[in-house]
């Protein structure tokens, strides 16, 4: 019974944190260390494994867009370039994560820095004469694809949020918030598949230690919970981005990143 409760909690943590700039793998790392007593390396591998639940969320929510991608050359190129660049950047970083986690590496610092950037950027847009973000994917080119792919690849580092890196990069390039969220979340689908396969290849021993702790029913509950909560979170965030002023979106996300980052920083001490 306790394992099912822990699985449910971890699923909620994954389902919410994946779509916010607070590094879901780091939140699952902390949750699995506290609830299940995982070692840092096993907890981090488990955090990446749990992205499979969020993958189901993205596939369900963006099922129409996924079909459209097959008939949209620009979107297809966008996803292919992003995924390739992400892999080139992310895989070497992921290989060294176990060493980073054993060193004096504070998991909260990247989230705090990202949050500060988002708040500063939002306030700049609010109180300056900067142009409103009204751009769409049609205004992006190969250079922008490469930059966003590299930003997404950096999220392989502990404490670095994938959605935070991609959304903030797209916003900085001038995209409107709704499209920035949407493009970031769609790009998550191939990236998460790559991340899942990477954990299988490079950290199989850590996963074989972590996964049996929840059992088959517990693992299934965690994944299902992450998927359902993820759909609700995506819907809420996209609705918020559509209805709210641009600066409010970035400041709100930045504040969340700083608060969670501070808690993670304290937990890493």
Protein backbone atom coordinates (compact mmCIF):
# COMPACT_ATOMS: atom_id res chain seq x y z
CA UNK A 1 0.00 0.00 0.00
CA UNK A 2 2.73 2.58 0.83
CA UNK A 3 4.38 1.89 -2.53
CA UNK A 4 1.14 2.67 -4.37
CA UNK A 5 0.80 5.93 -2.45
CA UNK A 6 4.41 6.82 -3.24
CA UNK A 7 3.84 5.94 -6.89
CA UNK A 8 0.80 8.20 -6.99
CA UNK A 9 2.76 11.10 -5.44
CA UNK A 10 5.67 10.64 -7.85
CA UNK A 11 3.22 10.56 -10.77
CA UNK A 12 1.73 13.88 -9.67
CA UNK A 13 5.20 15.41 -9.29
CA UNK A 14 6.17 14.28 -12.79
CA UNK A 15 2.86 15.28 -14.35
CA UNK A 16 3.08 18.86 -13.09
CA UNK A 17 6.80 19.60 -13.10
CA UNK A 18 7.53 18.39 -16.65
CA UNK A 19 5.63 21.32 -18.13
CA UNK A 20 6.99 24.01 -15.80
CA UNK A 21 10.53 25.48 -15.76
CA UNK A 22 11.53 23.45 -12.70
CA UNK A 23 13.23 20.32 -14.10
CA UNK A 24 10.90 17.36 -13.64
CA UNK A 25 13.78 14.88 -13.41
CA UNK A 26 15.15 16.85 -10.47
CA UNK A 27 11.78 16.92 -8.70
CA UNK A 28 11.34 13.17 -9.23
CA UNK A 29 14.92 12.68 -8.04
CA UNK A 30 14.12 14.39 -4.74
CA UNK A 31 10.77 12.63 -4.40
CA UNK A 32 12.21 9.17 -5.04
CA UNK A 33 15.15 9.80 -2.69
CA UNK A 34 12.81 10.86 0.12
CA UNK A 35 10.02 8.33 -0.43
CA UNK A 36 11.93 5.32 -1.73
CA UNK A 37 15.49 5.90 -0.50
CA UNK A 38 17.07 5.82 -3.97
CA UNK A 39 20.74 6.68 -4.42
CA UNK A 40 21.30 9.90 -6.45
CA UNK A 41 22.32 8.12 -9.68
CA UNK A 42 19.37 5.71 -9.53
CA UNK A 43 16.98 8.53 -8.62
CA UNK A 44 18.16 10.61 -11.58
CA UNK A 45 17.82 7.70 -14.01
CA UNK A 46 14.36 7.01 -12.60
CA UNK A 47 13.46 10.69 -13.11
CA UNK A 48 14.29 10.42 -16.80
CA UNK A 49 12.45 7.11 -17.07
CA UNK A 50 9.30 8.69 -15.63
CA UNK A 51 9.15 11.04 -18.60
CA UNK A 52 7.38 8.22 -20.40
CA UNK A 53 4.23 9.30 -18.54
CA UNK A 54 4.59 12.86 -19.80
CA UNK A 55 5.24 11.48 -23.27
CA UNK A 56 1.75 9.93 -23.23
CA UNK A 57 0.36 13.32 -22.11
CA UNK A 58 1.97 15.12 -25.04
CA UNK A 59 0.93 12.49 -27.59
CA UNK A 60 -2.69 12.58 -26.38
CA UNK A 61 -2.97 16.36 -26.14
CA UNK A 62 -1.20 17.10 -29.43
CA UNK A 63 -2.51 14.12 -31.39
CA UNK A 64 -3.97 16.35 -34.11
CA UNK A 65 -0.76 18.38 -34.40
CA UNK A 66 1.29 15.19 -34.66
CA UNK A 67 -0.77 14.10 -37.66
CA UNK A 68 -0.43 17.57 -39.20
CA UNK A 69 3.37 17.47 -38.78
CA UNK A 70 3.53 14.66 -41.33
CA UNK A 71 2.06 17.08 -43.90
CA UNK A 72 3.92 20.21 -42.75
CA UNK A 73 7.48 20.31 -44.09
CA UNK A 74 8.57 23.23 -41.92
CA UNK A 75 7.37 21.61 -38.69
CA UNK A 76 8.93 18.32 -39.71
CA UNK A 77 12.29 19.99 -40.34
CA UNK A 78 11.95 21.89 -37.05
CA UNK A 79 11.47 18.67 -35.09
CA UNK A 80 14.17 16.72 -36.94
CA UNK A 81 16.83 19.42 -36.48
CA UNK A 82 15.90 20.03 -32.84
CA UNK A 83 15.99 16.33 -32.04
CA UNK A 84 19.36 15.74 -33.72
CA UNK A 85 21.00 18.75 -32.07
CA UNK A 86 19.46 17.82 -28.73
CA UNK A 87 20.95 14.34 -28.97
CA UNK A 88 24.42 15.62 -29.89
CA UNK A 89 24.43 17.98 -26.90
CA UNK A 90 22.51 15.88 -24.37
CA UNK A 91 24.07 12.41 -24.60
CA UNK A 92 27.63 13.43 -23.53
CA UNK A 93 26.17 15.54 -20.71
CA UNK A 94 23.99 12.68 -19.52
CA UNK A 95 26.96 10.32 -19.42
CA UNK A 96 28.72 12.55 -16.86
CA UNK A 97 25.67 13.22 -14.66
CA UNK A 98 26.54 10.51 -12.16
CA UNK A 99 29.87 12.22 -11.51
CA UNK A 100 28.19 15.60 -11.15
CA UNK A 101 25.70 14.22 -8.64
CA UNK A 102 28.57 12.88 -6.50
CA UNK A 103 30.28 16.29 -6.49
CA UNK A 104 29.25 19.54 -4.82
CA UNK A 105 26.68 20.19 -7.56
CA UNK A 106 23.69 22.17 -6.36
CA UNK A 107 20.57 21.14 -8.27
CA UNK A 108 18.71 24.35 -7.46
CA UNK A 109 21.15 26.84 -8.99
CA UNK A 110 20.16 26.27 -12.67
CA UNK A 111 16.46 26.73 -11.81
CA UNK A 112 17.15 29.93 -9.87
CA UNK A 113 19.20 31.37 -12.75
CA UNK A 114 16.52 30.47 -15.29
CA UNK A 115 13.83 31.98 -13.08
CA UNK A 116 15.80 35.20 -12.69
CA UNK A 117 16.21 35.42 -16.46
CA UNK A 118 12.50 34.91 -17.07
CA UNK A 119 11.50 37.55 -14.53
CA UNK A 120 14.04 40.06 -15.84
CA UNK A 121 12.92 39.44 -19.40
CA UNK A 122 9.24 39.77 -18.47
CA UNK A 123 9.81 43.06 -16.62
CA UNK A 124 11.90 44.36 -19.50
CA UNK A 125 9.05 43.63 -21.89
CA UNK A 126 6.58 45.25 -19.51
CA UNK A 127 8.42 48.51 -18.83
CA UNK A 128 10.31 49.08 -22.05
CA UNK A 129 9.27 49.85 -25.58
CA UNK A 130 10.31 46.43 -26.74
CA UNK A 131 8.23 44.94 -29.51
CA UNK A 132 5.44 42.61 -28.54
CA UNK A 133 6.07 38.95 -29.11
CA UNK A 134 3.84 38.06 -32.01
CA UNK A 135 6.14 35.74 -33.95
CA UNK A 136 5.24 32.25 -35.14
CA UNK A 137 7.22 29.26 -36.35
CA UNK A 138 7.06 30.67 -39.88
CA UNK A 139 9.54 33.35 -38.80
CA UNK A 140 12.05 30.84 -37.48
CA UNK A 141 14.91 29.54 -39.60
CA UNK A 142 17.69 26.96 -39.38
CA UNK A 143 19.80 29.14 -37.06
CA UNK A 144 16.93 29.35 -34.57
CA UNK A 145 16.29 25.60 -34.82
CA UNK A 146 19.93 24.91 -33.92
CA UNK A 147 19.83 27.28 -30.95
CA UNK A 148 16.61 25.82 -29.55
CA UNK A 149 17.97 22.29 -30.05
CA UNK A 150 21.14 23.17 -28.15
CA UNK A 151 19.09 24.76 -25.36
CA UNK A 152 16.99 21.61 -25.12
CA UNK A 153 20.12 19.47 -25.06
CA UNK A 154 21.46 21.35 -22.02
CA UNK A 155 18.47 20.07 -20.07
CA UNK A 156 20.30 16.74 -19.73
CA UNK A 157 22.21 18.41 -16.88
CA UNK A 158 20.73 17.88 -13.42
CA UNK A 159 18.56 20.79 -12.34
CA UNK A 160 18.11 22.19 -15.85
CA UNK A 161 14.51 22.30 -17.05
CA UNK A 162 13.80 21.19 -20.62
CA UNK A 163 10.56 23.13 -20.95
CA UNK A 164 12.10 26.13 -19.21
CA UNK A 165 15.07 26.20 -21.57
CA UNK A 166 13.03 25.79 -24.75
CA UNK A 167 10.12 28.08 -23.82
CA UNK A 168 12.43 30.88 -22.63
CA UNK A 169 14.58 30.55 -25.76
CA UNK A 170 11.55 30.72 -28.05
CA UNK A 171 10.13 33.69 -26.14
CA UNK A 172 13.48 35.46 -26.40
CA UNK A 173 13.35 34.92 -30.17
CA UNK A 174 10.08 36.84 -30.28
CA UNK A 175 7.45 34.10 -30.42
CA UNK A 176 4.09 34.68 -28.78
CA UNK A 177 3.69 32.69 -25.53
CA UNK A 178 1.05 30.27 -26.82
CA UNK A 179 3.18 29.22 -29.81
CA UNK A 180 6.32 29.09 -27.66
CA UNK A 181 4.63 26.66 -25.25
CA UNK A 182 3.14 24.64 -28.09
CA UNK A 183 6.39 24.31 -30.04
CA UNK A 184 8.27 23.42 -26.88
CA UNK A 185 5.78 20.75 -25.87
CA UNK A 186 5.63 19.19 -29.34
CA UNK A 187 9.45 19.08 -29.46
CA UNK A 188 9.31 17.18 -26.17
CA UNK A 189 7.83 14.11 -27.86
CA UNK A 190 10.88 12.97 -29.89
CA UNK A 191 13.26 14.33 -27.22
CA UNK A 192 11.63 12.25 -24.47
CA UNK A 193 11.79 9.11 -26.61
CA UNK A 194 15.51 9.76 -27.07
CA UNK A 195 15.94 10.40 -23.35
CA UNK A 196 14.14 7.18 -22.48
CA UNK A 197 16.35 5.16 -24.83
CA UNK A 198 19.45 6.89 -23.44
CA UNK A 199 18.60 5.79 -19.91
CA UNK A 200 18.11 2.22 -21.13
CA UNK A 201 21.50 2.19 -22.89
CA UNK A 202 23.69 4.09 -20.44
CA UNK A 203 22.09 3.56 -17.01
CA UNK A 204 20.48 0.15 -17.24
CA UNK A 205 22.03 -0.97 -13.95
CA UNK A 206 20.59 2.04 -12.08
CA UNK A 207 17.15 1.40 -13.56
CA UNK A 208 17.20 -2.29 -12.63
CA UNK A 209 17.85 -1.16 -9.07
CA UNK A 210 15.15 1.55 -9.04
CA UNK A 211 12.19 0.11 -10.94
CA UNK A 212 11.56 -3.02 -8.81
CA UNK A 213 11.16 -0.82 -5.73
CA UNK A 214 7.71 0.30 -6.93
CA UNK A 215 6.64 -3.01 -8.39
CA UNK A 216 4.69 -3.45 -11.62
CA UNK A 217 1.42 -2.03 -10.26
CA UNK A 218 3.17 0.90 -8.61
CA UNK A 219 5.12 1.76 -11.73
CA UNK A 220 1.97 1.56 -13.85
CA UNK A 221 0.11 3.84 -11.43
CA UNK A 222 2.95 6.37 -11.45
CA UNK A 223 3.03 6.50 -15.25
CA UNK A 224 -0.77 6.71 -15.56
CA UNK A 225 -0.95 9.48 -12.95
CA UNK A 226 1.82 11.44 -14.68
CA UNK A 227 -0.03 11.13 -18.00
CA UNK A 228 -3.41 12.30 -16.68
CA UNK A 229 -2.01 15.13 -14.55
CA UNK A 230 0.20 16.16 -17.47
CA UNK A 231 -2.78 16.61 -19.79
CA UNK A 232 -4.48 18.83 -17.23
CA UNK A 233 -1.29 20.84 -16.68
CA UNK A 234 -0.68 21.38 -20.41
CA UNK A 235 -4.27 22.53 -20.90
CA UNK A 236 -4.04 24.95 -17.98
CA UNK A 237 -0.72 26.45 -19.04
CA UNK A 238 -1.73 26.91 -22.68
CA UNK A 239 -4.96 28.55 -21.58
CA UNK A 240 -3.03 30.85 -19.23
CA UNK A 241 -0.56 31.75 -21.98
CA UNK A 242 -3.40 32.54 -24.39
CA UNK A 243 -5.37 34.74 -21.99
CA UNK A 244 -2.57 36.56 -20.16
CA UNK A 245 -0.21 39.38 -21.08
CA UNK A 246 3.22 38.27 -22.21
CA UNK A 247 5.12 39.73 -19.28
CA UNK A 248 2.74 38.08 -16.79
CA UNK A 249 3.45 34.66 -18.30
CA UNK A 250 7.23 35.01 -18.09
CA UNK A 251 7.22 36.57 -14.61
CA UNK A 252 4.87 33.85 -13.32
CA UNK A 253 7.07 31.07 -14.71
CA UNK A 254 10.19 32.77 -13.41
CA UNK A 255 8.75 33.07 -9.90
CA UNK A 256 7.87 29.36 -9.87
CA UNK A 257 11.38 28.44 -11.03
CA UNK A 258 13.02 30.56 -8.32
CA UNK A 259 10.83 29.22 -5.49
CA UNK A 260 11.34 25.58 -6.48
CA UNK A 261 15.01 26.29 -7.21
CA UNK A 262 15.53 27.68 -3.70
CA UNK A 263 13.88 24.61 -2.18
CA UNK A 264 16.05 22.35 -4.37
CA UNK A 265 19.16 24.33 -3.43
CA UNK A 266 18.42 23.84 0.26
CA UNK A 267 17.75 20.16 -0.32
CA UNK A 268 21.09 19.75 -2.13
CA UNK A 269 23.11 21.16 0.79
